[in-house]
Each structure stands twice: as C-alpha cells, then as structure tokens.
C-alpha cells in the first residue's frame, strides 16, 4: 500500500497537474497561480519556482534525459527551461 509521505505547500492556488522526471528524482507541479514548481522527490525540497507565465499553467513535461522542462499555460505560451 502506498501512503502520503509529504505535502507540498508552496502554490498560492490549486494544483493543475503533476509530472515526474524519467528518473523519478524530480517532480513538477503546475498551478492556477501561473507558476510551475520543480521539487526534489526525496525530501520535498523546492528547487525552482518558474514564473514565466501570466495565466494558469496547465501542464508540464520533462525531457527524456531530465535536463529540460516544457510548460504550457492558459496564456497560450509555451516555456522551455534548461535544468
């Protein structure tokens, strides 16, 4: 059985999506607060607070190598980040 081990509480609005990196060491959350946040899975540490969107961030995906992240927002913008 899998249980809740941590609660990540840095967004100012509801979380829209969650995605793990291919190595499962990073997690990205997207939110109605127009941000995406990258977290370290092992301890829940916030690594990056991505603020490039002006409206809700709907989705995010890591590259296969885990060295890049793409986000898509309701502002019709896509943003690429090197990690």
Protein backbone atom coordinates (compact mmCIF):
# COMPACT_ATOMS: atom_id res chain seq x y z
CA UNK A 1 0.00 0.00 0.00
CA UNK A 2 1.27 3.47 -0.87
CA UNK A 3 0.64 6.26 1.59
CA UNK A 4 1.08 10.01 1.65
CA UNK A 5 4.60 10.85 2.76
CA UNK A 6 4.73 14.62 2.13
CA UNK A 7 2.51 17.57 1.34
CA UNK A 8 3.98 20.25 -0.90
CA UNK A 9 2.53 23.64 0.02
CA UNK A 10 4.12 26.47 -1.96
CA UNK A 11 1.44 27.17 -4.59
CA UNK A 12 -1.00 30.04 -3.93
CA UNK A 13 -3.85 28.32 -5.82
CA UNK A 14 -4.98 24.82 -6.78
CA UNK A 15 -2.51 22.48 -8.48
CA UNK A 16 -3.48 21.63 -12.04
CA UNK A 17 -1.01 18.85 -12.97
CA UNK A 18 1.88 16.79 -11.63
CA UNK A 19 4.66 15.03 -13.57
CA UNK A 20 7.74 13.04 -12.56
CA UNK A 21 11.10 13.14 -14.32
CA UNK A 22 12.21 9.93 -16.06
CA UNK A 23 14.49 9.09 -13.13
CA UNK A 24 11.69 9.88 -10.65
CA UNK A 25 14.03 12.14 -8.68
CA UNK A 26 12.23 15.37 -9.68
CA UNK A 27 8.58 16.35 -9.67
CA UNK A 28 6.95 19.33 -11.38
CA UNK A 29 3.62 20.81 -10.33
CA UNK A 30 1.62 23.34 -12.33
CA UNK A 31 -1.00 25.63 -10.90
CA UNK A 32 -3.76 28.15 -11.39
CA UNK A 33 -1.38 30.64 -9.68
CA UNK A 34 0.51 30.94 -13.03
CA UNK A 35 3.59 29.12 -11.77
CA UNK A 36 5.27 25.75 -12.18
CA UNK A 37 7.43 24.43 -9.38
CA UNK A 38 10.15 21.80 -9.51
CA UNK A 39 10.60 19.69 -6.39
CA UNK A 40 13.17 17.17 -5.20
CA UNK A 41 11.22 13.93 -4.58
CA UNK A 42 13.37 12.50 -1.79
CA UNK A 43 12.75 15.34 0.68
CA UNK A 44 10.13 17.62 -0.93
CA UNK A 45 12.60 20.48 -1.31
CA UNK A 46 11.57 23.24 -3.72
CA UNK A 47 14.31 23.59 -6.36
CA UNK A 48 12.82 26.06 -8.84
CA UNK A 49 9.85 28.42 -8.88
CA UNK A 50 9.08 29.11 -12.54
CA UNK A 51 7.15 32.35 -13.01
CA UNK A 52 7.25 32.97 -16.77
CA UNK A 53 3.51 32.56 -17.42
CA UNK A 54 0.85 35.24 -16.98
CA UNK A 55 -2.11 32.87 -16.53
CA UNK A 56 -2.68 29.35 -15.18
CA UNK A 57 -0.04 26.78 -16.12
CA UNK A 58 -1.93 23.74 -17.44
CA UNK A 59 0.76 21.12 -17.99
CA UNK A 60 4.47 20.36 -17.89
CA UNK A 61 6.75 17.60 -19.10
CA UNK A 62 10.39 16.69 -18.55
CA UNK A 63 12.62 15.66 -21.43
CA UNK A 64 13.69 12.01 -21.54
CA UNK A 65 17.13 12.92 -20.14
CA UNK A 66 15.51 15.05 -17.42
CA UNK A 67 17.62 18.08 -18.33
CA UNK A 68 14.80 20.21 -19.79
CA UNK A 69 11.25 21.08 -18.89
CA UNK A 70 8.41 22.37 -21.07
CA UNK A 71 5.38 24.15 -19.61
CA UNK A 72 2.15 25.20 -21.30
CA UNK A 73 -0.20 27.84 -19.93
CA UNK A 74 -3.60 29.38 -20.50
CA UNK A 75 -1.75 32.45 -21.74
CA UNK A 76 -1.14 30.33 -24.86
CA UNK A 77 2.56 30.43 -24.16
CA UNK A 78 4.96 27.55 -24.01
CA UNK A 79 8.12 27.90 -21.99
CA UNK A 80 11.28 25.77 -22.10
CA UNK A 81 13.69 25.59 -19.20
CA UNK A 82 17.13 24.02 -19.04
CA UNK A 83 17.64 22.33 -15.68
